[in-house]
PDB file of N, CA and C in Angstrom:
ATOM      1  N   UNK A   1      20.912  30.461  29.311  1.00  0.00           N
ATOM      2  CA  UNK A   1      19.970  31.527  29.633  1.00  0.00           C
ATOM      3  C   UNK A   1      18.589  31.154  29.107  1.00  0.00           C
ATOM      4  N   UNK A   2      17.598  31.350  29.918  1.00  0.00           N
ATOM      5  CA  UNK A   2      16.231  31.027  29.540  1.00  0.00           C
ATOM      6  C   UNK A   2      15.657  32.106  28.630  1.00  0.00           C
ATOM      7  N   UNK A   3      14.715  31.683  27.825  1.00  0.00           N
ATOM      8  CA  UNK A   3      13.990  32.577  26.928  1.00  0.00           C
ATOM      9  C   UNK A   3      12.539  32.598  27.409  1.00  0.00           C
ATOM     10  N   UNK A   4      11.956  33.779  27.523  1.00  0.00           N
ATOM     11  CA  UNK A   4      10.579  33.920  27.986  1.00  0.00           C
ATOM     12  C   UNK A   4       9.730  34.411  26.810  1.00  0.00           C
ATOM     13  N   UNK A   5       8.657  33.677  26.537  1.00  0.00           N
ATOM     14  CA  UNK A   5       7.716  34.066  25.487  1.00  0.00           C
ATOM     15  C   UNK A   5       6.353  34.261  26.126  1.00  0.00           C
ATOM     16  N   UNK A   6       5.711  35.363  25.788  1.00  0.00           N
ATOM     17  CA  UNK A   6       4.363  35.639  26.284  1.00  0.00           C
ATOM     18  C   UNK A   6       3.413  35.656  25.095  1.00  0.00           C
ATOM     19  N   UNK A   7       2.463  34.740  25.109  1.00  0.00           N
ATOM     20  CA  UNK A   7       1.430  34.697  24.079  1.00  0.00           C
ATOM     21  C   UNK A   7       0.291  35.583  24.558  1.00  0.00           C
ATOM     22  N   UNK A   8      -0.114  36.521  23.702  1.00  0.00           N
ATOM     23  CA  UNK A   8      -1.114  37.510  24.077  1.00  0.00           C
ATOM     24  C   UNK A   8      -1.918  37.931  22.858  1.00  0.00           C
ATOM     25  N   UNK A   9      -2.987  38.674  23.116  1.00  0.00           N
ATOM     26  CA  UNK A   9      -3.729  39.301  22.025  1.00  0.00           C
ATOM     27  C   UNK A   9      -4.159  40.689  22.473  1.00  0.00           C
ATOM     28  N   UNK A  10      -4.550  41.522  21.528  1.00  0.00           N
ATOM     29  CA  UNK A  10      -5.003  42.875  21.831  1.00  0.00           C
ATOM     30  C   UNK A  10      -6.299  42.818  22.630  1.00  0.00           C
ATOM     31  N   UNK A  11      -6.553  43.839  23.407  1.00  0.00           N
ATOM     32  CA  UNK A  11      -7.788  43.962  24.193  1.00  0.00           C
ATOM     33  C   UNK A  11      -7.979  42.809  25.182  1.00  0.00           C
ATOM     34  N   UNK A  12      -6.890  42.361  25.777  1.00  0.00           N
ATOM     35  CA  UNK A  12      -6.930  41.266  26.753  1.00  0.00           C
ATOM     36  C   UNK A  12      -6.406  41.822  28.075  1.00  0.00           C
ATOM     37  N   UNK A  13      -7.310  42.053  29.015  1.00  0.00           N
ATOM     38  CA  UNK A  13      -6.917  42.650  30.293  1.00  0.00           C
ATOM     39  C   UNK A  13      -5.890  41.796  31.045  1.00  0.00           C
ATOM     40  N   UNK A  14      -6.110  40.468  31.186  1.00  0.00           N
ATOM     41  CA  UNK A  14      -5.082  39.668  31.866  1.00  0.00           C
ATOM     42  C   UNK A  14      -3.723  39.718  31.149  1.00  0.00           C
ATOM     43  N   UNK A  15      -3.737  39.820  29.821  1.00  0.00           N
ATOM     44  CA  UNK A  15      -2.478  39.932  29.063  1.00  0.00           C
ATOM     45  C   UNK A  15      -1.741  41.209  29.468  1.00  0.00           C
ATOM     46  N   UNK A  16      -2.494  42.307  29.588  1.00  0.00           N
ATOM     47  CA  UNK A  16      -1.901  43.578  30.004  1.00  0.00           C
ATOM     48  C   UNK A  16      -1.364  43.500  31.436  1.00  0.00           C
ATOM     49  N   UNK A  17      -2.068  42.784  32.306  1.00  0.00           N
ATOM     50  CA  UNK A  17      -1.619  42.634  33.694  1.00  0.00           C
ATOM     51  C   UNK A  17      -0.295  41.872  33.741  1.00  0.00           C
ATOM     52  N   UNK A  18      -0.197  40.813  32.933  1.00  0.00           N
ATOM     53  CA  UNK A  18       1.053  40.035  32.891  1.00  0.00           C
ATOM     54  C   UNK A  18       2.194  40.906  32.377  1.00  0.00           C
ATOM     55  N   UNK A  19       1.944  41.661  31.311  1.00  0.00           N
ATOM     56  CA  UNK A  19       2.979  42.546  30.759  1.00  0.00           C
ATOM     57  C   UNK A  19       3.445  43.558  31.797  1.00  0.00           C
ATOM     58  N   UNK A  20       2.492  44.186  32.483  1.00  0.00           N
ATOM     59  CA  UNK A  20       2.846  45.184  33.499  1.00  0.00           C
ATOM     60  C   UNK A  20       3.690  44.557  34.603  1.00  0.00           C
ATOM     61  N   UNK A  21       3.324  43.356  35.032  1.00  0.00           N
ATOM     62  CA  UNK A  21       4.074  42.664  36.083  1.00  0.00           C
ATOM     63  C   UNK A  21       5.499  42.364  35.615  1.00  0.00           C
ATOM     64  N   UNK A  22       5.630  41.778  34.429  1.00  0.00           N
ATOM     65  CA  UNK A  22       6.960  41.420  33.917  1.00  0.00           C
ATOM     66  C   UNK A  22       7.810  42.664  33.676  1.00  0.00           C
ATOM     67  N   UNK A  23       7.182  43.731  33.148  1.00  0.00           N
ATOM     68  CA  UNK A  23       7.918  44.980  32.916  1.00  0.00           C
ATOM     69  C   UNK A  23       8.415  45.569  34.244  1.00  0.00           C
ATOM     70  N   UNK A  24       7.555  45.550  35.259  1.00  0.00           N
ATOM     71  CA  UNK A  24       7.924  46.090  36.569  1.00  0.00           C
ATOM     72  C   UNK A  24       9.092  45.326  37.175  1.00  0.00           C
ATOM     73  N   UNK A  25       9.134  44.010  36.928  1.00  0.00           N
ATOM     74  CA  UNK A  25      10.200  43.174  37.480  1.00  0.00           C
ATOM     75  C   UNK A  25      11.452  43.150  36.601  1.00  0.00           C
ATOM     76  N   UNK A  26      11.384  43.800  35.434  1.00  0.00           N
ATOM     77  CA  UNK A  26      12.552  43.858  34.553  1.00  0.00           C
ATOM     78  C   UNK A  26      12.821  42.574  33.785  1.00  0.00           C
ATOM     79  N   UNK A  27      11.779  41.769  33.577  1.00  0.00           N
ATOM     80  CA  UNK A  27      11.933  40.508  32.842  1.00  0.00           C
ATOM     81  C   UNK A  27      11.856  40.783  31.342  1.00  0.00           C
ATOM     82  N   UNK A  28      12.837  40.316  30.596  1.00  0.00           N
ATOM     83  CA  UNK A  28      12.811  40.434  29.138  1.00  0.00           C
ATOM     84  C   UNK A  28      11.978  39.295  28.573  1.00  0.00           C
ATOM     85  N   UNK A  29      11.115  39.614  27.624  1.00  0.00           N
ATOM     86  CA  UNK A  29      10.258  38.590  27.041  1.00  0.00           C
ATOM     87  C   UNK A  29       9.860  38.974  25.629  1.00  0.00           C
ATOM     88  N   UNK A  30       9.496  37.963  24.868  1.00  0.00           N
ATOM     89  CA  UNK A  30       8.994  38.166  23.509  1.00  0.00           C
ATOM     90  C   UNK A  30       7.475  38.129  23.553  1.00  0.00           C
ATOM     91  N   UNK A  31       6.843  39.007  22.801  1.00  0.00           N
ATOM     92  CA  UNK A  31       5.381  39.027  22.705  1.00  0.00           C
ATOM     93  C   UNK A  31       4.974  38.353  21.402  1.00  0.00           C
ATOM     94  N   UNK A  32       4.087  37.386  21.503  1.00  0.00           N
ATOM     95  CA  UNK A  32       3.604  36.671  20.325  1.00  0.00           C
ATOM     96  C   UNK A  32       2.080  36.653  20.358  1.00  0.00           C
ATOM     97  N   UNK A  33       1.460  37.050  19.266  1.00  0.00           N
ATOM     98  CA  UNK A  33       0.013  36.903  19.124  1.00  0.00           C
ATOM     99  C   UNK A  33      -0.213  35.558  18.442  1.00  0.00           C
ATOM    100  N   UNK A  34      -0.870  34.610  19.114  1.00  0.00           N
ATOM    101  CA  UNK A  34      -1.033  33.269  18.524  1.00  0.00           C
ATOM    102  C   UNK A  34      -1.856  33.275  17.243  1.00  0.00           C
ATOM    103  N   UNK A  35      -2.639  34.325  17.032  1.00  0.00           N
ATOM    104  CA  UNK A  35      -3.422  34.414  15.797  1.00  0.00           C
ATOM    105  C   UNK A  35      -2.545  34.859  14.634  1.00  0.00           C
ATOM    106  N   UNK A  36      -1.459  35.587  14.938  1.00  0.00           N
ATOM    107  CA  UNK A  36      -0.514  36.006  13.912  1.00  0.00           C
ATOM    108  C   UNK A  36       0.537  34.943  13.635  1.00  0.00           C
ATOM    109  N   UNK A  37       0.799  34.090  14.608  1.00  0.00           N
ATOM    110  CA  UNK A  37       1.817  33.040  14.478  1.00  0.00           C
ATOM    111  C   UNK A  37       1.240  31.710  14.971  1.00  0.00           C
ATOM    112  N   UNK A  38       0.222  31.187  14.268  1.00  0.00           N
ATOM    113  CA  UNK A  38      -0.437  29.963  14.743  1.00  0.00           C
ATOM    114  C   UNK A  38       0.482  28.745  14.790  1.00  0.00           C
ATOM    115  N   UNK A  39       1.493  28.696  13.931  1.00  0.00           N
ATOM    116  CA  UNK A  39       2.402  27.546  13.935  1.00  0.00           C
ATOM    117  C   UNK A  39       3.174  27.468  15.250  1.00  0.00           C
ATOM    118  N   UNK A  40       3.612  28.623  15.748  1.00  0.00           N
ATOM    119  CA  UNK A  40       4.337  28.640  17.019  1.00  0.00           C
ATOM    120  C   UNK A  40       3.401  28.273  18.168  1.00  0.00           C
ATOM    121  N   UNK A  41       2.175  28.762  18.107  1.00  0.00           N
ATOM    122  CA  UNK A  41       1.191  28.424  19.140  1.00  0.00           C
ATOM    123  C   UNK A  41       0.917  26.920  19.165  1.00  0.00           C
ATOM    124  N   UNK A  42       0.800  26.317  17.998  1.00  0.00           N
ATOM    125  CA  UNK A  42       0.575  24.865  17.915  1.00  0.00           C
ATOM    126  C   UNK A  42       1.806  24.117  18.428  1.00  0.00           C
ATOM    127  N   UNK A  43       2.983  24.581  18.035  1.00  0.00           N
ATOM    128  CA  UNK A  43       4.223  23.918  18.460  1.00  0.00           C
ATOM    129  C   UNK A  43       4.313  23.820  19.978  1.00  0.00           C
ATOM    130  N   UNK A  44       3.918  24.900  20.677  1.00  0.00           N
ATOM    131  CA  UNK A  44       4.015  24.917  22.133  1.00  0.00           C
ATOM    132  C   UNK A  44       2.677  24.640  22.828  1.00  0.00           C
ATOM    133  N   UNK A  45       1.692  24.205  22.045  1.00  0.00           N
ATOM    134  CA  UNK A  45       0.378  23.806  22.582  1.00  0.00           C
ATOM    135  C   UNK A  45      -0.273  24.918  23.407  1.00  0.00           C
ATOM    136  N   UNK A  46      -0.228  26.133  22.871  1.00  0.00           N
ATOM    137  CA  UNK A  46      -0.861  27.272  23.523  1.00  0.00           C
ATOM    138  C   UNK A  46      -2.314  27.315  23.081  1.00  0.00           C
ATOM    139  N   UNK A  47      -3.224  27.251  24.053  1.00  0.00           N
ATOM    140  CA  UNK A  47      -4.658  27.220  23.745  1.00  0.00           C
ATOM    141  C   UNK A  47      -5.400  28.426  24.266  1.00  0.00           C
ATOM    142  N   UNK A  48      -4.751  29.216  25.125  1.00  0.00           N
ATOM    143  CA  UNK A  48      -5.405  30.393  25.701  1.00  0.00           C
ATOM    144  C   UNK A  48      -4.361  31.469  25.951  1.00  0.00           C
ATOM    145  N   UNK A  49      -4.832  32.701  26.064  1.00  0.00           N
ATOM    146  CA  UNK A  49      -3.941  33.812  26.395  1.00  0.00           C
ATOM    147  C   UNK A  49      -4.430  34.463  27.667  1.00  0.00           C
ATOM    148  N   UNK A  50      -3.544  34.997  28.467  1.00  0.00           N
ATOM    149  CA  UNK A  50      -2.105  34.970  28.271  1.00  0.00           C
ATOM    150  C   UNK A  50      -1.498  33.637  28.711  1.00  0.00           C
ATOM    151  N   UNK A  51      -0.496  33.224  27.978  1.00  0.00           N
ATOM    152  CA  UNK A  51       0.322  32.077  28.354  1.00  0.00           C
ATOM    153  C   UNK A  51       1.776  32.518  28.293  1.00  0.00           C
ATOM    154  N   UNK A  52       2.492  32.319  29.389  1.00  0.00           N
ATOM    155  CA  UNK A  52       3.911  32.643  29.453  1.00  0.00           C
ATOM    156  C   UNK A  52       4.677  31.331  29.494  1.00  0.00           C
ATOM    157  N   UNK A  53       5.646  31.218  28.599  1.00  0.00           N
ATOM    158  CA  UNK A  53       6.507  30.036  28.557  1.00  0.00           C
ATOM    159  C   UNK A  53       7.932  30.438  28.895  1.00  0.00           C
ATOM    160  N   UNK A  54       8.576  29.638  29.722  1.00  0.00           N
ATOM    161  CA  UNK A  54      10.001  29.787  29.975  1.00  0.00           C
ATOM    162  C   UNK A  54      10.666  28.613  29.278  1.00  0.00           C
ATOM    163  N   UNK A  55      11.526  28.936  28.309  1.00  0.00           N
ATOM    164  CA  UNK A  55      12.157  27.908  27.489  1.00  0.00           C
ATOM    165  C   UNK A  55      13.646  27.808  27.783  1.00  0.00           C
ATOM    166  N   UNK A  56      14.125  26.580  27.734  1.00  0.00           N
ATOM    167  CA  UNK A  56      15.554  26.309  27.739  1.00  0.00           C
ATOM    168  C   UNK A  56      15.811  25.662  26.389  1.00  0.00           C
ATOM    169  N   UNK A  57      16.326  26.439  25.466  1.00  0.00           N
ATOM    170  CA  UNK A  57      16.403  25.963  24.081  1.00  0.00           C
ATOM    171  C   UNK A  57      14.992  25.884  23.539  1.00  0.00           C
ATOM    172  N   UNK A  58      14.566  24.701  23.139  1.00  0.00           N
ATOM    173  CA  UNK A  58      13.207  24.493  22.638  1.00  0.00           C
ATOM    174  C   UNK A  58      12.314  23.801  23.672  1.00  0.00           C
ATOM    175  N   UNK A  59      12.879  23.510  24.843  1.00  0.00           N
ATOM    176  CA  UNK A  59      12.157  22.754  25.868  1.00  0.00           C
ATOM    177  C   UNK A  59      11.450  23.704  26.838  1.00  0.00           C
ATOM    178  N   UNK A  60      10.157  23.477  27.042  1.00  0.00           N
ATOM    179  CA  UNK A  60       9.380  24.286  27.977  1.00  0.00           C
ATOM    180  C   UNK A  60       9.728  23.874  29.403  1.00  0.00           C
ATOM    181  N   UNK A  61      10.294  24.806  30.149  1.00  0.00           N
ATOM    182  CA  UNK A  61      10.647  24.568  31.545  1.00  0.00           C
ATOM    183  C   UNK A  61       9.500  24.941  32.476  1.00  0.00           C
ATOM    184  N   UNK A  62       8.728  25.961  32.053  1.00  0.00           N
ATOM    185  CA  UNK A  62       7.619  26.425  32.889  1.00  0.00           C
ATOM    186  C   UNK A  62       6.537  27.001  31.982  1.00  0.00           C
ATOM    187  N   UNK A  63       5.278  26.779  32.351  1.00  0.00           N
ATOM    188  CA  UNK A  63       4.121  27.297  31.615  1.00  0.00           C
ATOM    189  C   UNK A  63       3.198  27.945  32.642  1.00  0.00           C
ATOM    190  N   UNK A  64       2.896  29.220  32.414  1.00  0.00           N
ATOM    191  CA  UNK A  64       2.005  29.959  33.309  1.00  0.00           C
ATOM    192  C   UNK A  64       0.841  30.466  32.467  1.00  0.00           C
ATOM    193  N   UNK A  65      -0.359  30.037  32.826  1.00  0.00           N
ATOM    194  CA  UNK A  65      -1.552  30.422  32.081  1.00  0.00           C
ATOM    195  C   UNK A  65      -2.354  31.390  32.935  1.00  0.00           C
ATOM    196  N   UNK A  66      -2.667  32.547  32.365  1.00  0.00           N
ATOM    197  CA  UNK A  66      -3.408  33.566  33.095  1.00  0.00           C
ATOM    198  C   UNK A  66      -2.478  34.461  33.890  1.00  0.00           C
ATOM    199  N   UNK A  67      -3.073  35.388  34.631  1.00  0.00           N
ATOM    200  CA  UNK A  67      -2.296  36.302  35.470  1.00  0.00           C
ATOM    201  C   UNK A  67      -2.158  35.681  36.850  1.00  0.00           C
ATOM    202  N   UNK A  68      -1.002  35.094  37.111  1.00  0.00           N
ATOM    203  CA  UNK A  68      -0.715  34.417  38.374  1.00  0.00           C
ATOM    204  C   UNK A  68       0.569  35.019  38.952  1.00  0.00           C
ATOM    205  N   UNK A  69       0.432  36.106  39.721  1.00  0.00           N
ATOM    206  CA  UNK A  69       1.618  36.814  40.221  1.00  0.00           C
ATOM    207  C   UNK A  69       2.606  35.941  40.980  1.00  0.00           C
ATOM    208  N   UNK A  70       2.103  34.990  41.819  1.00  0.00           N
ATOM    209  CA  UNK A  70       3.050  34.165  42.588  1.00  0.00           C
ATOM    210  C   UNK A  70       3.889  33.297  41.658  1.00  0.00           C
ATOM    211  N   UNK A  71       3.286  32.767  40.596  1.00  0.00           N
ATOM    212  CA  UNK A  71       4.053  31.943  39.658  1.00  0.00           C
ATOM    213  C   UNK A  71       4.984  32.823  38.809  1.00  0.00           C
ATOM    214  N   UNK A  72       4.491  33.989  38.400  1.00  0.00           N
ATOM    215  CA  UNK A  72       5.318  34.898  37.610  1.00  0.00           C
ATOM    216  C   UNK A  72       6.516  35.397  38.408  1.00  0.00           C
ATOM    217  N   UNK A  73       6.329  35.545  39.721  1.00  0.00           N
ATOM    218  CA  UNK A  73       7.433  35.991  40.572  1.00  0.00           C
ATOM    219  C   UNK A  73       8.625  35.042  40.456  1.00  0.00           C
ATOM    220  N   UNK A  74       8.351  33.760  40.257  1.00  0.00           N
ATOM    221  CA  UNK A  74       9.418  32.773  40.130  1.00  0.00           C
ATOM    222  C   UNK A  74      10.337  33.001  38.953  1.00  0.00           C
ATOM    223  N   UNK A  75       9.813  33.571  37.872  1.00  0.00           N
ATOM    224  CA  UNK A  75      10.674  33.819  36.712  1.00  0.00           C
ATOM    225  C   UNK A  75      11.291  35.207  36.775  1.00  0.00           C
ATOM    226  N   UNK A  76      10.832  36.029  37.715  1.00  0.00           N
ATOM    227  CA  UNK A  76      11.340  37.394  37.836  1.00  0.00           C
ATOM    228  C   UNK A  76      12.606  37.464  38.685  1.00  0.00           C
ATOM    229  N   UNK A  77      13.064  36.321  39.186  1.00  0.00           N
ATOM    230  CA  UNK A  77      14.229  36.350  40.074  1.00  0.00           C
ATOM    231  C   UNK A  77      15.502  36.086  39.327  1.00  0.00           C
TER     232      UNK A  77
END
């Protein structure tokens, strides 16, 4: 089973759009603020928010940067 992590920060409109999309599609995900957990952000080379990672174990299977509904739809299935 894949694990979905969404890197976000407060007051980020695209971050809110991604959350609303994933919530509407029923996708379970973890919310991480890269400023609160910089080690995890460095580990996965997250440089901007929102960034959604689909992980298989520790391996990144998919990386979506920004609000990209067509790409997000792929993980909502």
